[in-house]
Every structure is written in structure tokens, then in C-alpha cells.
Amino acid sequence: MLRQLVLTALPGMPLVEPGDDLPRLILEGLRRAGLSLQDGDVIVVTQKVVSKSEGRLVNLGDIQPGAEAVRLAGETEKDARLVEVILRESREILHTRPGLIVVRHRLGFVCANAGVDHSNVRGPAGAADDWVLLLPEEPDRSAAGIRRRLEAESGAALAVLIIDSHGRTWRMGTVGVAIGVSGFPALVDLRGKPDLFGYRLRVTQVGLADEVAAAASILTGQADEGAPVVHVRGLPYPLREGTLQDLLRPPDQDLFH
């Protein structure tokens, strides 16, 4: 049996601005790609365009850093205003070094600089370097909203992932990970399933949302690719509800904390 997963970056996606109708832009991108949505399709959307459409831009000129931000700025050689934004987006600071603050984000996952980003960010006025972008306030809710619109327009049963790029404690390089999930089996539990020789798996759980996110991020890119939405067809698992929380390891099981 032929097993095939097809990923297509939607062409011609415009620069997204606060208040833009992102589902409409996705539907227009699908039409340009000659794609009609079908049951089981997955739409993968980068965090950046979701955050932009939701107005998650912050001007550092409006930020007054507190004492803790000033202290950490000295340790990390960062702008104290930026550090203040990072602190506001974080539950706790885990590690620091010059140029980096590793946090447990308010959404529950561990990441660098609370996902606060300067790259590919443009504000409505003023110096570009003064603008930063935050992660969506509730990425699962954002994914669900996009999914509802796309399903209503197409009549197909779909899934939506919102993805970001994260580093990893034990390996070099960033990879795509899911930070928002709707209608997708984020974690697939294979415990009890037999392998080729009849051995029943005991511990295997597949972070399927992250696997698809990593594949899609090859097409979305990290620089000037301008391809923030990827259509995925051929997922070899049935769709079902899932959430970001399915993917988060409980802190008491975190060996790197």
C-alpha cells in the first residue's frame, strides 16, 4: 500500500497586518494553489501571521522595565524593555546567559525569550527595531477559530495547527513545533500496539503535531520565504480533538529543569 504525505506551501500569501481576516487569506491561497479542501486535510499556520492578525505587536517605547528586568538585562546583555516583555510572557525564568533567557512560557512550554521576536516584524510607525511580536494569547483558541471558518466555507472536516520554531536542550538547530492545535491528534499513544515481530510497545507515544509542524516548517522557512501557510494531505491517522496541553511534559518529569 502506497503511503504518502503531501505538503504544499500556499503561494502568494500577502504580508499580514493587525485585523486581517486570516481564514479568508488562507482560502484565497488555497485557490491560487488549485486546492479544494477535503476531509482529513490539515492546515498548518505559522505563529507569526496568527499573532500579527491578532494584533500582538508591542512597541518597546511603551514599556517601562521593572527592577527584575533591569537586573536580568545586565546579566544577558539585552534591552531591559525587551526583558520586561519576556518576563510578562513567562511563568518562570529557568536559565540565562548573554543573549538568551530560557523560560517556562505562560502557555506551559519551555522556550527561548518567551517567543518574543524581532524578525519579520513591522509596526505601523517608528523604528522597526522598537517593535516585537508576542505569541498568540491562546493558540488553541486561535486554531479553533481558523478551523471553524475553513470548515464552514468548505464543508470538509479539517484540522489546524499553529506552529513556531523552538530550540532543543540536547541538539543544535531550531525545529518546528506545534503551539496551537484544533481537530488534530496531537499525541498518538501506541502503547500496547504490536511491532513487526509481535512485541507490544510499552512506552511509545508519538508527538504527531510536532512531527507535522517540523515537516511544514521546511516549507515555511525562517527568513524571507513568505510562505506562512502549508496544506497537508495524507495524514495516516484519523483526525480527532487534541490540545497543546497533550504535548507538554509535566514539570515533575522534566529531566532538564
Protein backbone atom coordinates (compact mmCIF):
# COMPACT_ATOMS: atom_id res chain seq x y z
CA MET A 1 0.00 0.00 0.00
CA LEU A 2 1.35 3.40 -1.02
CA ARG A 3 1.81 5.72 1.98
CA GLN A 4 2.17 9.36 1.01
CA LEU A 5 2.06 12.68 2.81
CA VAL A 6 1.84 15.76 0.57
CA LEU A 7 2.69 19.23 1.87
CA THR A 8 2.04 22.34 -0.20
CA ALA A 9 3.05 25.87 0.78
CA LEU A 10 0.28 28.22 -0.32
CA PRO A 11 1.64 30.68 -2.87
CA GLY A 12 1.22 34.43 -2.93
CA MET A 13 0.33 34.94 0.71
CA PRO A 14 0.44 38.69 1.50
CA LEU A 15 2.09 40.33 4.48
CA VAL A 16 -0.44 40.04 7.28
CA GLU A 17 -1.40 43.12 9.26
CA PRO A 18 -3.36 43.51 12.52
CA GLY A 19 -7.06 42.91 11.95
CA ASP A 20 -6.62 41.00 8.68
CA ASP A 21 -9.08 38.17 8.02
CA LEU A 22 -6.58 35.31 8.12
CA PRO A 23 -9.04 32.50 7.19
CA ARG A 24 -10.05 34.47 4.10
CA LEU A 25 -6.39 34.89 3.14
CA ILE A 26 -5.88 31.13 3.58
CA LEU A 27 -8.87 30.35 1.36
CA GLU A 28 -7.51 32.67 -1.32
CA GLY A 29 -4.13 30.95 -1.05
CA LEU A 30 -5.77 27.55 -1.48
CA ARG A 31 -7.50 28.78 -4.64
CA ARG A 32 -4.20 30.05 -6.05
CA ALA A 33 -2.66 26.63 -5.34
CA GLY A 34 -5.58 24.88 -7.08
CA LEU A 35 -6.53 23.05 -3.89
CA SER A 36 -10.02 22.23 -2.65
CA LEU A 37 -10.27 21.24 1.00
CA GLN A 38 -11.17 17.61 1.70
CA ASP A 39 -11.99 15.63 4.82
CA GLY A 40 -8.80 14.85 6.74
CA ASP A 41 -6.78 17.80 5.40
CA VAL A 42 -4.59 19.76 7.80
CA ILE A 43 -3.79 23.45 7.57
CA VAL A 44 -0.54 24.49 9.25
CA VAL A 45 -0.15 28.20 10.01
CA THR A 46 2.92 29.91 11.40
CA GLN A 47 2.58 31.67 14.72
CA LYS A 48 3.81 34.91 13.27
CA VAL A 49 0.89 35.54 10.92
CA VAL A 50 -1.61 34.49 13.59
CA SER A 51 -0.03 36.89 16.09
CA LYS A 52 0.05 39.70 13.54
CA SER A 53 -3.60 39.24 12.61
CA GLU A 54 -4.48 39.30 16.32
CA GLY A 55 -2.55 42.50 16.93
CA ARG A 56 0.07 41.01 19.25
CA LEU A 57 2.59 43.72 18.36
CA VAL A 58 4.33 45.62 21.16
CA ASN A 59 6.35 48.82 20.84
CA LEU A 60 9.27 48.76 23.24
CA GLY A 61 8.99 52.52 23.51
CA ASP A 62 5.83 51.98 25.53
CA ILE A 63 7.49 49.61 28.02
CA GLN A 64 8.82 50.69 31.39
CA PRO A 65 11.16 47.98 32.71
CA GLY A 66 10.99 46.99 36.36
CA ALA A 67 13.88 46.22 38.70
CA GLU A 68 13.99 42.50 37.81
CA ALA A 69 14.06 43.29 34.10
CA VAL A 70 16.93 45.73 34.63
CA ARG A 71 18.86 43.13 36.63
CA LEU A 72 18.36 40.40 34.00
CA ALA A 73 19.20 42.81 31.22
CA GLY A 74 22.60 43.31 32.81
CA GLU A 75 23.18 39.54 33.02
CA THR A 76 22.01 38.80 29.48
CA GLU A 77 23.16 41.95 27.66
CA LYS A 78 19.63 42.53 26.41
CA ASP A 79 17.46 45.63 26.20
CA ALA A 80 15.75 45.97 29.59
CA ARG A 81 12.47 46.85 27.85
CA LEU A 82 12.61 43.60 25.90
CA VAL A 83 13.40 41.68 29.07
CA GLU A 84 10.35 43.23 30.73
CA VAL A 85 8.15 41.93 27.89
CA ILE A 86 9.73 38.48 28.23
CA LEU A 87 9.01 38.46 31.96
CA ARG A 88 5.38 39.39 31.39
CA GLU A 89 5.01 36.44 28.99
CA SER A 90 6.66 33.93 31.34
CA ARG A 91 5.75 31.80 34.34
CA GLU A 92 9.36 31.42 35.47
CA ILE A 93 12.92 32.02 34.36
CA LEU A 94 14.84 28.74 34.02
CA HIS A 95 18.28 29.65 32.64
CA THR A 96 20.11 32.71 31.37
CA ARG A 97 23.32 33.52 29.55
CA PRO A 98 24.41 36.51 27.48
CA GLY A 99 21.95 36.84 24.62
CA LEU A 100 19.46 34.25 25.91
CA ILE A 101 16.73 33.82 28.51
CA VAL A 102 15.13 30.38 28.74
CA VAL A 103 11.68 30.49 30.31
CA ARG A 104 8.62 28.46 31.02
CA HIS A 105 6.13 30.38 28.93
CA ARG A 106 2.76 31.33 30.38
CA LEU A 107 1.28 28.71 27.99
CA GLY A 108 3.30 26.00 29.75
CA PHE A 109 6.14 25.09 27.41
CA VAL A 110 9.84 25.88 27.72
CA CYS A 111 11.30 28.18 25.09
CA ALA A 112 13.84 30.91 24.47
CA ASN A 113 12.94 34.52 25.22
CA ALA A 114 9.26 33.64 25.73
CA GLY A 115 8.81 33.54 21.97
CA VAL A 116 9.15 37.34 21.80
CA ASP A 117 10.55 38.04 18.34
CA HIS A 118 12.00 40.90 16.30
CA SER A 119 12.36 39.07 12.97
CA ASN A 120 9.92 39.75 10.13
CA VAL A 121 8.09 42.25 12.35
CA ARG A 122 6.97 45.69 11.22
CA GLY A 123 4.94 48.12 13.27
CA PRO A 124 2.61 50.82 11.99
CA ALA A 125 5.11 53.62 12.68
CA GLY A 126 8.52 54.35 14.16
CA ALA A 127 11.76 52.38 14.10
CA ALA A 128 11.45 48.73 13.11
CA ASP A 129 13.79 47.67 15.93
CA ASP A 130 11.35 49.02 18.51
CA TRP A 131 8.64 46.53 17.55
CA VAL A 132 8.37 42.96 18.82
CA LEU A 133 5.74 40.29 18.36
CA LEU A 134 4.27 38.08 21.08
CA LEU A 135 2.84 34.59 20.70
CA PRO A 136 -0.95 34.34 20.33
CA GLU A 137 -2.73 34.81 23.63
CA GLU A 138 -4.48 31.42 23.35
CA PRO A 139 -3.13 29.46 20.35
CA ASP A 140 -5.61 26.56 20.68
CA ARG A 141 -8.44 29.09 20.53
CA SER A 142 -6.85 30.76 17.51
CA ALA A 143 -6.50 27.39 15.74
CA ALA A 144 -10.13 26.55 16.52
CA GLY A 145 -11.32 29.86 15.10
CA ILE A 146 -9.45 29.34 11.83
CA ARG A 147 -10.72 25.77 11.61
CA ARG A 148 -14.37 26.79 12.10
CA ARG A 149 -14.16 29.31 9.30
CA LEU A 150 -12.45 26.94 6.89
CA GLU A 151 -14.87 24.11 7.66
CA ALA A 152 -17.86 26.42 7.23
CA GLU A 153 -16.60 27.56 3.83
CA SER A 154 -15.55 24.13 2.56
CA GLY A 155 -17.87 21.65 4.27
CA ALA A 156 -14.83 19.46 4.98
CA ALA A 157 -13.72 18.06 8.34
CA LEU A 158 -10.30 19.61 8.93
CA ALA A 159 -7.54 20.16 11.45
CA VAL A 160 -5.46 23.27 12.08
CA LEU A 161 -2.03 23.57 13.66
CA ILE A 162 -0.28 26.77 14.68
CA ILE A 163 3.48 26.29 14.72
CA ASP A 164 6.58 28.07 15.95
CA SER A 165 10.33 27.38 15.87
CA HIS A 166 11.94 26.12 19.07
CA GLY A 167 15.45 25.16 20.00
CA ARG A 168 16.19 21.96 21.91
CA THR A 169 18.23 21.42 25.04
CA TRP A 170 20.18 18.46 23.68
CA ARG A 171 20.56 19.23 19.94
CA MET A 172 21.63 22.16 17.79
CA GLY A 173 19.25 23.99 15.49
CA THR A 174 15.62 25.02 15.65
CA VAL A 175 12.70 22.84 14.55
CA GLY A 176 9.03 23.49 14.01
CA VAL A 177 6.73 22.59 16.90
CA ALA A 178 3.01 22.93 17.41
CA ILE A 179 1.83 25.58 19.87
CA GLY A 180 -1.83 25.57 18.85
CA VAL A 181 -4.00 22.56 17.98
CA SER A 182 -7.57 22.08 16.79
CA GLY A 183 -9.11 18.88 15.48
CA PHE A 184 -5.75 17.11 15.40
CA PRO A 185 -4.39 14.08 17.34
CA ALA A 186 -1.54 16.00 18.96
CA LEU A 187 -0.21 12.96 20.83
CA VAL A 188 -0.72 9.43 19.48
CA ASP A 189 -0.41 6.69 22.09
CA LEU A 190 0.97 3.47 20.58
CA ARG A 191 1.40 1.61 23.86
CA GLY A 192 0.04 -1.90 23.51
CA LYS A 193 0.42 -1.95 19.72
CA PRO A 194 2.47 -4.84 18.28
CA ASP A 195 5.63 -4.25 16.31
CA LEU A 196 6.64 -6.32 13.24
CA PHE A 197 7.61 -9.24 15.47
CA GLY A 198 4.64 -9.16 17.83
CA TYR A 199 6.36 -7.28 20.65
CA ARG A 200 3.87 -4.94 22.28
CA LEU A 201 5.12 -1.38 22.63
CA ARG A 202 5.36 -0.22 26.23
CA VAL A 203 6.32 3.44 26.19
CA THR A 204 5.90 4.78 22.65
CA GLN A 205 3.85 7.94 22.28
CA VAL A 206 4.22 9.94 19.09
CA GLY A 207 4.19 13.74 19.17
CA LEU A 208 2.36 13.80 15.87
CA ALA A 209 1.55 17.51 15.93
CA ASP A 210 5.25 18.31 16.33
CA GLU A 211 6.21 15.89 13.56
CA VAL A 212 3.85 17.60 11.12
CA ALA A 213 4.96 21.02 12.38
CA ALA A 214 8.60 20.14 11.69
CA ALA A 215 7.79 18.93 8.19
CA ALA A 216 5.75 22.04 7.41
CA SER A 217 8.46 24.36 8.74
CA ILE A 218 10.78 23.13 5.98
CA LEU A 219 8.46 24.96 3.58
CA THR A 220 7.54 27.95 5.74
CA GLY A 221 11.22 28.72 6.37
CA GLN A 222 12.80 31.15 8.81
CA ALA A 223 13.81 34.19 6.77
CA ASP A 224 12.29 35.77 3.66
CA GLU A 225 10.41 32.78 2.22
CA GLY A 226 6.99 34.41 2.67
CA ALA A 227 5.20 31.06 2.93
CA PRO A 228 3.36 31.08 6.28
CA VAL A 229 0.63 28.54 5.48
CA VAL A 230 1.02 24.88 4.46
CA HIS A 231 -1.68 22.48 3.31
CA VAL A 232 -1.15 18.85 4.36
CA ARG A 233 -2.91 15.86 2.79
CA GLY A 234 -2.49 12.16 3.51
CA LEU A 235 -2.11 12.11 7.31
CA PRO A 236 -2.03 8.38 8.17
CA TYR A 237 -4.05 8.84 11.36
CA PRO A 238 -7.72 9.77 11.77
CA LEU A 239 -8.45 13.29 12.93
CA ARG A 240 -9.73 13.81 16.46
CA GLU A 241 -9.68 16.55 19.04
CA GLY A 242 -6.38 17.43 20.67
CA THR A 243 -4.81 20.34 22.51
CA LEU A 244 -1.42 21.88 23.14
CA GLN A 245 -1.56 20.51 26.70
CA ASP A 246 -1.39 16.95 25.31
CA LEU A 247 2.19 17.67 24.23
CA LEU A 248 3.55 19.31 27.37
CA ARG A 249 5.63 17.16 29.68
CA PRO A 250 4.67 17.75 33.32
CA PRO A 251 7.36 19.71 35.19
CA ASP A 252 7.95 16.81 37.61
CA GLN A 253 9.02 14.68 34.59
CA ASP A 254 11.30 17.36 33.12
CA LEU A 255 14.82 15.99 33.48
CA PHE A 256 16.39 19.20 32.08
CA HIS A 257 14.74 21.64 34.51
